[in-house]
Amino acid sequence: MILRFTVTLFNFISNPKLTIAPRSYDEFVSILIPARNKERNILDLLQSIRGQEYSNYEVIILDDHSTDETLAVCRKFCEGDKRFRVVSGKDIPAGWQGKNYACYQLAEHARGAFLMFLDADGIVNDGLINNSIHRMKFYRLDLLSLFANQLMISWGERVIVPLIHFILLNLLPLRLVRLSKSPAFSTASGQFMLFSTSSYQENQWHELVRERVVEDIEIMKLLKASGLRGETLLANRYIFYRTYRNFSEAFRGFSKNFFAGFNNNVIGLFLYLFLVILGPLAIAYILSAELLFFALSLIVLSRVMISLMSGQNVWLNILLHPIQMALMIFLAVVSVNNYFTKIPAWKGRTIKN
């Protein structure tokens, strides 16, 4: 518990967030958006991109065989601005995950010096493009990934979605993604991936991870193993995503990714759960009241720091902590079960393990 608290404290003090650039840039950027059944929210993202002060970009939306009105909605929006265009995705070849192939196709259409992959569920704030390019150029990065601020409206979202930042900031010193050359210190978020085009074209990252469910982390590992430079930061309110709309969506989404996020390692996953959840219970059962108070203090302070870093409600996360930990056990069991006993479905497609 002390070690995990130390990781959280390191993240809090080092403040790994996207910062304001000291100058303006004008590099041509390709903003690439894979979209499958996103008619209800993709316009919010497109309108927020158009509202950026940065203007030297193209936006390419790939309609990935949507069964709703995504294609029609995007075509209508693109009519008024030549910087925006929509293309239709091809059939998925054998051996590919759907999103990976969509991103691979988008990169083939792009003409920019930088490739910015965004999920279709978000809203971006002014400054995102310029600040991200500054980071890429200042540190000579081949990949910059950002963990977005999460919008949570329903109670179902509030009891599950905060686990994203809890696990991330309680387990990994985020600054070490850039500072350490070891691929072991790797994480990324597919909601925002910014590549230098030269590096992407040379390595074809999405093709290399075409079969992987959690492609973002795998790309960062491969990139660092190749001796290239990557960095992962918190978005610092430059991107907001409402990833899920209710408890059912959030549970299915987490159970899809949770086990893969631990590299499909059963021992590693359940050792983490044992330390995070059963550790405090063991202290409560075996040791003194003073040590229990100490353990609870570490938990509360960790939740305070993580909530502040991720822009979430501090008191709500503290109050919901026991429920979130219980759900994390359940999510882990379901995720492992899905991996070993069946092929789960996501957004109308089967996911190949």
Protein backbone atom coordinates (compact mmCIF):
# COMPACT_ATOMS: atom_id res chain seq x y z
CA MET A 1 0.00 0.00 0.00
CA ILE A 2 2.89 2.33 0.77
CA LEU A 3 4.47 1.57 -2.61
CA ARG A 4 1.22 2.25 -4.47
CA PHE A 5 0.72 5.45 -2.47
CA THR A 6 4.26 6.48 -3.42
CA VAL A 7 3.45 5.96 -7.12
CA THR A 8 0.34 8.12 -6.75
CA LEU A 9 2.28 10.79 -4.88
CA PHE A 10 4.98 10.78 -7.58
CA ASN A 11 2.32 11.28 -10.26
CA PHE A 12 0.68 14.06 -8.25
CA ILE A 13 3.93 15.95 -7.68
CA SER A 14 5.31 15.44 -11.20
CA ASN A 15 1.94 16.56 -12.64
CA PRO A 16 2.10 14.68 -15.99
CA LYS A 17 -0.29 16.87 -17.96
CA LEU A 18 -0.34 18.47 -21.39
CA THR A 19 0.78 22.07 -20.93
CA ILE A 20 0.36 25.31 -22.88
CA ALA A 21 2.83 25.76 -25.73
CA PRO A 22 5.02 28.90 -25.60
CA ARG A 23 4.67 29.46 -29.35
CA SER A 24 2.36 28.79 -32.29
CA TYR A 25 2.92 26.17 -34.98
CA ASP A 26 1.59 25.73 -38.50
CA GLU A 27 2.42 22.13 -39.43
CA PHE A 28 -0.22 20.32 -41.48
CA VAL A 29 -2.02 17.81 -39.25
CA SER A 30 -4.25 14.92 -40.32
CA ILE A 31 -7.00 14.31 -37.76
CA LEU A 32 -8.23 10.75 -38.26
CA ILE A 33 -11.50 9.50 -36.78
CA PRO A 34 -12.72 5.90 -37.04
CA ALA A 35 -16.50 5.91 -36.58
CA ARG A 36 -18.90 3.00 -36.19
CA ASN A 37 -22.52 3.76 -35.22
CA LYS A 38 -21.71 7.24 -33.85
CA GLU A 39 -24.60 9.29 -35.24
CA ARG A 40 -25.66 10.50 -31.79
CA ASN A 41 -22.39 12.20 -30.81
CA ILE A 42 -19.87 12.55 -33.66
CA LEU A 43 -21.18 16.02 -34.58
CA ASP A 44 -20.07 17.30 -31.16
CA LEU A 45 -16.52 16.21 -31.92
CA LEU A 46 -16.49 17.64 -35.46
CA GLN A 47 -17.88 20.99 -34.32
CA SER A 48 -15.31 21.20 -31.51
CA ILE A 49 -12.49 20.55 -33.99
CA ARG A 50 -13.82 23.29 -36.24
CA GLY A 51 -13.74 25.63 -33.23
CA GLN A 52 -9.98 25.24 -32.82
CA GLU A 53 -7.90 28.34 -33.42
CA TYR A 54 -5.41 26.08 -35.18
CA SER A 55 -6.52 25.88 -38.81
CA ASN A 56 -3.91 23.97 -40.86
CA TYR A 57 -5.44 20.51 -40.71
CA GLU A 58 -7.53 17.97 -42.54
CA VAL A 59 -10.15 15.78 -40.88
CA ILE A 60 -10.84 12.34 -42.32
CA ILE A 61 -13.71 10.29 -40.91
CA LEU A 62 -13.85 6.62 -41.79
CA ASP A 63 -17.36 5.16 -41.60
CA ASP A 64 -16.67 1.61 -40.42
CA HIS A 65 -19.76 -0.18 -41.75
CA SER A 66 -22.18 1.72 -39.51
CA THR A 67 -25.75 0.46 -39.35
CA ASP A 68 -27.14 3.85 -38.27
CA GLU A 69 -26.97 7.28 -39.95
CA THR A 70 -23.30 7.98 -39.17
CA LEU A 71 -22.29 8.18 -42.83
CA ALA A 72 -25.13 10.54 -43.78
CA VAL A 73 -24.54 12.78 -40.76
CA CYS A 74 -20.83 13.08 -41.53
CA ARG A 75 -21.35 13.72 -45.24
CA LYS A 76 -23.77 16.54 -44.51
CA PHE A 77 -21.32 18.14 -42.06
CA CYS A 78 -18.42 17.89 -44.51
CA GLU A 79 -20.30 19.70 -47.27
CA GLY A 80 -19.57 23.11 -45.77
CA ASP A 81 -15.84 22.73 -45.11
CA LYS A 82 -13.25 21.30 -47.52
CA ARG A 83 -10.96 20.42 -44.62
CA PHE A 84 -13.43 17.69 -43.62
CA ARG A 85 -14.16 14.55 -45.61
CA VAL A 86 -15.61 11.12 -45.00
CA VAL A 87 -14.61 7.80 -46.55
CA SER A 88 -16.19 4.36 -46.34
CA GLY A 89 -14.27 1.54 -44.76
CA LYS A 90 -13.41 -1.69 -46.55
CA ASP A 91 -14.34 -5.15 -45.35
CA ILE A 92 -12.14 -6.35 -42.50
CA PRO A 93 -9.51 -8.90 -43.63
CA ALA A 94 -8.92 -12.04 -41.62
CA GLY A 95 -6.64 -11.54 -38.65
CA TRP A 96 -7.55 -7.90 -37.98
CA GLN A 97 -9.50 -6.21 -35.19
CA GLY A 98 -12.03 -3.72 -36.54
CA LYS A 99 -10.65 -0.50 -35.05
CA ASN A 100 -7.05 -1.38 -35.95
CA TYR A 101 -7.99 -1.87 -39.59
CA ALA A 102 -10.01 1.35 -39.61
CA CYS A 103 -6.99 3.30 -38.32
CA TYR A 104 -4.72 1.58 -40.84
CA GLN A 105 -7.02 2.70 -43.68
CA LEU A 106 -7.24 6.25 -42.34
CA ALA A 107 -3.45 6.57 -42.34
CA GLU A 108 -3.41 5.59 -46.02
CA HIS A 109 -5.64 8.58 -46.85
CA ALA A 110 -3.71 11.09 -44.70
CA ARG A 111 -1.39 13.80 -46.05
CA GLY A 112 -0.28 15.57 -42.86
CA ALA A 113 3.12 15.76 -41.17
CA PHE A 114 1.39 14.43 -38.04
CA LEU A 115 -1.34 11.82 -37.68
CA MET A 116 -3.80 12.50 -34.86
CA PHE A 117 -6.14 9.57 -34.15
CA LEU A 118 -9.25 10.48 -32.15
CA ASP A 119 -12.20 8.37 -31.05
CA ALA A 120 -15.56 9.70 -32.19
CA ASP A 121 -17.11 10.11 -28.71
CA GLY A 122 -15.22 13.18 -27.56
CA ILE A 123 -15.03 16.96 -27.49
CA VAL A 124 -11.72 18.80 -27.90
CA ASN A 125 -10.94 22.23 -26.50
CA ASP A 126 -8.97 24.99 -28.17
CA GLY A 127 -5.21 24.55 -27.82
CA LEU A 128 -5.13 20.77 -28.14
CA ILE A 129 -3.50 20.65 -31.58
CA ASN A 130 -0.89 23.36 -31.04
CA ASN A 131 0.08 22.19 -27.56
CA SER A 132 0.40 18.59 -28.72
CA ILE A 133 2.62 19.52 -31.68
CA HIS A 134 4.85 21.54 -29.36
CA ARG A 135 5.26 18.49 -27.13
CA MET A 136 6.11 16.30 -30.12
CA LYS A 137 8.72 18.71 -31.45
CA PHE A 138 10.26 19.78 -28.13
CA TYR A 139 10.89 16.21 -26.95
CA ARG A 140 11.36 14.75 -30.47
CA LEU A 141 8.56 12.27 -29.88
CA ASP A 142 7.36 9.63 -32.30
CA LEU A 143 4.12 9.15 -30.37
CA LEU A 144 2.16 11.24 -27.87
CA SER A 145 -0.90 9.75 -26.20
CA LEU A 146 -3.33 11.51 -23.85
CA PHE A 147 -5.73 10.13 -21.25
CA ALA A 148 -8.83 12.27 -21.66
CA ASN A 149 -10.98 13.75 -18.93
CA GLN A 150 -14.05 11.56 -18.56
CA LEU A 151 -17.60 12.93 -18.64
CA MET A 152 -19.86 10.94 -16.32
CA ILE A 153 -23.57 11.67 -16.03
CA SER A 154 -25.33 8.48 -14.92
CA TRP A 155 -24.57 6.72 -11.63
CA GLY A 156 -23.63 3.62 -13.61
CA GLU A 157 -20.77 5.56 -15.20
CA ARG A 158 -19.67 7.08 -11.90
CA VAL A 159 -19.12 3.73 -10.21
CA ILE A 160 -17.02 2.24 -13.04
CA VAL A 161 -15.38 4.90 -15.24
CA PRO A 162 -13.16 6.41 -12.45
CA LEU A 163 -11.35 3.06 -12.35
CA ILE A 164 -9.52 4.14 -15.54
CA HIS A 165 -7.53 6.83 -13.74
CA PHE A 166 -7.40 4.94 -10.43
CA ILE A 167 -5.57 1.97 -11.94
CA LEU A 168 -3.39 4.17 -14.17
CA LEU A 169 -2.19 6.68 -11.56
CA ASN A 170 -1.99 4.18 -8.69
CA LEU A 171 0.09 1.67 -10.62
CA LEU A 172 2.40 3.45 -13.10
CA PRO A 173 4.67 6.49 -12.67
CA LEU A 174 3.43 8.19 -15.82
CA ARG A 175 6.53 10.32 -16.41
CA LEU A 176 8.56 7.12 -16.84
CA VAL A 177 6.81 6.38 -20.12
CA ARG A 178 9.03 9.03 -21.67
CA LEU A 179 11.98 9.04 -19.26
CA SER A 180 12.59 5.27 -19.21
CA LYS A 181 13.67 3.37 -22.29
CA SER A 182 12.17 0.15 -20.92
CA PRO A 183 8.98 -1.05 -22.69
CA ALA A 184 7.80 -2.21 -19.24
CA PHE A 185 6.91 1.43 -18.53
CA SER A 186 4.35 1.69 -21.30
CA THR A 187 0.76 2.80 -21.44
CA ALA A 188 -1.38 4.74 -23.89
CA SER A 189 -4.97 5.65 -24.67
CA GLY A 190 -6.45 4.97 -28.08
CA GLN A 191 -8.77 7.95 -27.58
CA PHE A 192 -5.83 10.22 -28.51
CA MET A 193 -2.75 8.99 -30.37
CA LEU A 194 -0.53 11.51 -32.19
CA PHE A 195 2.20 10.07 -34.43
CA SER A 196 4.88 11.63 -36.52
CA THR A 197 3.91 10.57 -40.03
CA SER A 198 7.45 9.48 -40.95
CA SER A 199 7.61 7.08 -38.00
CA TYR A 200 4.13 5.73 -38.65
CA GLN A 201 4.73 5.12 -42.35
CA GLU A 202 8.01 3.38 -41.65
CA ASN A 203 6.57 1.06 -38.99
CA GLN A 204 2.84 0.77 -39.79
CA TRP A 205 1.98 0.48 -36.11
CA HIS A 206 -1.66 -0.55 -36.49
CA GLU A 207 -0.70 -3.32 -38.87
CA LEU A 208 1.85 -4.64 -36.37
CA VAL A 209 -0.87 -4.93 -33.70
CA ARG A 210 -3.68 -5.88 -36.06
CA GLU A 211 -4.88 -8.81 -33.89
CA ARG A 212 -4.62 -7.08 -30.50
CA VAL A 213 -7.68 -5.89 -28.56
CA VAL A 214 -5.76 -3.30 -26.52
CA GLU A 215 -3.78 -1.92 -29.45
CA ASP A 216 -2.77 1.39 -27.85
CA ILE A 217 -0.55 -0.07 -25.09
CA GLU A 218 0.94 -2.61 -27.50
CA ILE A 219 1.90 0.13 -29.94
CA MET A 220 3.67 2.07 -27.19
CA LYS A 221 5.56 -1.07 -26.13
CA LEU A 222 6.66 -1.81 -29.70
CA LEU A 223 7.64 1.80 -30.29
CA LYS A 224 9.85 1.93 -27.20
CA ALA A 225 11.32 -1.51 -27.93
CA SER A 226 12.36 -0.11 -31.32
CA GLY A 227 14.33 2.66 -29.61
CA LEU A 228 11.83 5.38 -30.50
CA ARG A 229 10.42 8.00 -28.15
CA GLY A 230 6.90 8.02 -26.76
CA GLU A 231 5.08 9.89 -24.04
CA THR A 232 1.71 9.54 -22.29
CA LEU A 233 0.13 12.39 -20.37
CA LEU A 234 -3.18 13.45 -18.85
CA ALA A 235 -5.20 15.61 -21.24
CA ASN A 236 -5.57 18.46 -18.73
CA ARG A 237 -9.10 19.29 -19.96
CA TYR A 238 -8.07 19.61 -23.59
CA ILE A 239 -10.15 16.49 -24.43
CA PHE A 240 -13.32 15.20 -22.85
CA TYR A 241 -14.89 11.84 -23.59
CA ARG A 242 -18.14 10.31 -22.47
CA THR A 243 -16.89 6.82 -23.14
CA TYR A 244 -20.02 5.02 -21.92
CA ARG A 245 -23.64 6.07 -21.40
CA ASN A 246 -24.79 3.76 -18.61
CA PHE A 247 -23.73 0.95 -16.29
CA SER A 248 -24.31 -1.78 -18.86
CA GLU A 249 -22.14 -0.09 -21.52
CA ALA A 250 -19.41 0.67 -18.99
CA PHE A 251 -19.37 -2.88 -17.65
CA ARG A 252 -19.16 -4.42 -21.12
CA GLY A 253 -16.46 -1.99 -22.17
CA PHE A 254 -14.32 -2.60 -19.10
CA SER A 255 -14.73 -6.37 -19.22
CA LYS A 256 -13.51 -6.23 -22.84
CA ASN A 257 -10.29 -4.39 -21.98
CA PHE A 258 -9.57 -5.13 -18.34
CA PHE A 259 -7.73 -8.46 -18.63
CA ALA A 260 -5.92 -7.39 -21.81
CA GLY A 261 -4.68 -4.31 -19.94
CA PHE A 262 -2.75 -6.69 -17.68
CA ASN A 263 -1.26 -8.38 -20.76
CA ASN A 264 -3.66 -11.33 -20.28
CA ASN A 265 -1.64 -12.41 -17.25
CA VAL A 266 -3.89 -14.10 -14.69
CA ILE A 267 -1.27 -14.10 -11.94
CA GLY A 268 -0.43 -10.43 -12.43
CA LEU A 269 -4.08 -9.38 -12.48
CA PHE A 270 -5.16 -11.23 -9.37
CA LEU A 271 -1.99 -10.32 -7.49
CA TYR A 272 -2.86 -6.69 -8.14
CA LEU A 273 -6.43 -7.23 -6.95
CA PHE A 274 -5.17 -9.05 -3.86
CA LEU A 275 -2.87 -6.18 -2.91
CA VAL A 276 -5.39 -3.42 -3.67
CA ILE A 277 -8.52 -4.93 -2.17
CA LEU A 278 -7.69 -7.79 0.19
CA GLY A 279 -4.68 -6.02 1.71
CA PRO A 280 -6.76 -3.44 3.62
CA LEU A 281 -9.22 -6.17 4.68
CA ALA A 282 -6.37 -8.27 6.05
CA ILE A 283 -5.07 -5.29 8.01
CA ALA A 284 -8.55 -4.72 9.43
CA TYR A 285 -8.80 -8.36 10.52
CA ILE A 286 -5.29 -9.01 11.85
CA LEU A 287 -3.64 -5.78 12.92
CA SER A 288 -4.28 -2.87 15.22
CA ALA A 289 -6.70 0.04 14.90
CA GLU A 290 -3.74 2.39 14.43
CA LEU A 291 -2.52 0.50 11.36
CA LEU A 292 -6.04 0.32 9.99
CA PHE A 293 -6.34 4.10 10.32
CA PHE A 294 -2.97 4.44 8.56
CA ALA A 295 -4.13 2.20 5.70
CA LEU A 296 -7.40 4.09 5.31
CA SER A 297 -5.49 7.37 5.30
CA LEU A 298 -3.35 6.14 2.40
CA ILE A 299 -6.47 5.09 0.48
CA VAL A 300 -8.27 8.39 1.06
CA LEU A 301 -5.24 10.52 0.21
CA SER A 302 -4.66 8.47 -2.94
CA ARG A 303 -8.24 8.98 -4.06
CA VAL A 304 -7.95 12.72 -3.38
CA MET A 305 -4.81 13.05 -5.49
CA ILE A 306 -6.09 10.87 -8.33
CA SER A 307 -9.42 12.71 -8.43
CA LEU A 308 -7.71 16.09 -8.58
CA MET A 309 -5.33 14.96 -11.34
CA SER A 310 -8.16 13.53 -13.44
CA GLY A 311 -10.62 16.37 -12.81
CA GLN A 312 -13.15 14.17 -11.01
CA ASN A 313 -15.31 14.67 -7.93
CA VAL A 314 -13.11 13.97 -4.88
CA TRP A 315 -15.84 13.25 -2.33
CA LEU A 316 -17.83 11.09 -4.70
CA ASN A 317 -14.83 8.90 -5.50
CA ILE A 318 -14.04 8.49 -1.79
CA LEU A 319 -17.64 7.53 -0.96
CA LEU A 320 -17.89 5.13 -3.91
CA HIS A 321 -14.46 3.56 -3.34
CA PRO A 322 -15.76 0.35 -1.66
CA ILE A 323 -18.30 -0.19 -4.45
CA GLN A 324 -15.68 0.47 -7.13
CA MET A 325 -13.28 -2.03 -5.57
CA ALA A 326 -15.99 -4.71 -5.39
CA LEU A 327 -16.89 -4.04 -9.02
CA MET A 328 -13.23 -4.30 -10.00
CA ILE A 329 -13.14 -7.89 -8.70
CA PHE A 330 -16.31 -8.73 -10.62
CA LEU A 331 -14.99 -7.07 -13.79
CA ALA A 332 -11.74 -9.03 -13.52
CA VAL A 333 -13.56 -12.36 -13.19
CA VAL A 334 -15.87 -11.61 -16.13
CA SER A 335 -12.98 -10.36 -18.26
CA VAL A 336 -10.88 -13.49 -17.61
CA ASN A 337 -13.91 -15.70 -18.23
CA ASN A 338 -14.61 -13.96 -21.54
CA TYR A 339 -11.01 -14.44 -22.61
CA PHE A 340 -10.82 -18.18 -21.88
CA THR A 341 -14.36 -19.42 -22.57
CA LYS A 342 -15.90 -17.38 -25.35
CA ILE A 343 -15.46 -14.65 -27.94
CA PRO A 344 -17.11 -11.48 -26.61
CA ALA A 345 -18.96 -9.04 -28.84
CA TRP A 346 -18.34 -5.29 -28.99
CA LYS A 347 -20.25 -2.75 -31.10
CA GLY A 348 -21.88 -5.48 -33.12
CA ARG A 349 -18.70 -7.42 -33.86
CA THR A 350 -16.97 -10.37 -32.30
CA ILE A 351 -13.61 -9.75 -30.68
CA LYS A 352 -10.98 -12.33 -31.52
CA ASN A 353 -8.71 -13.23 -28.60
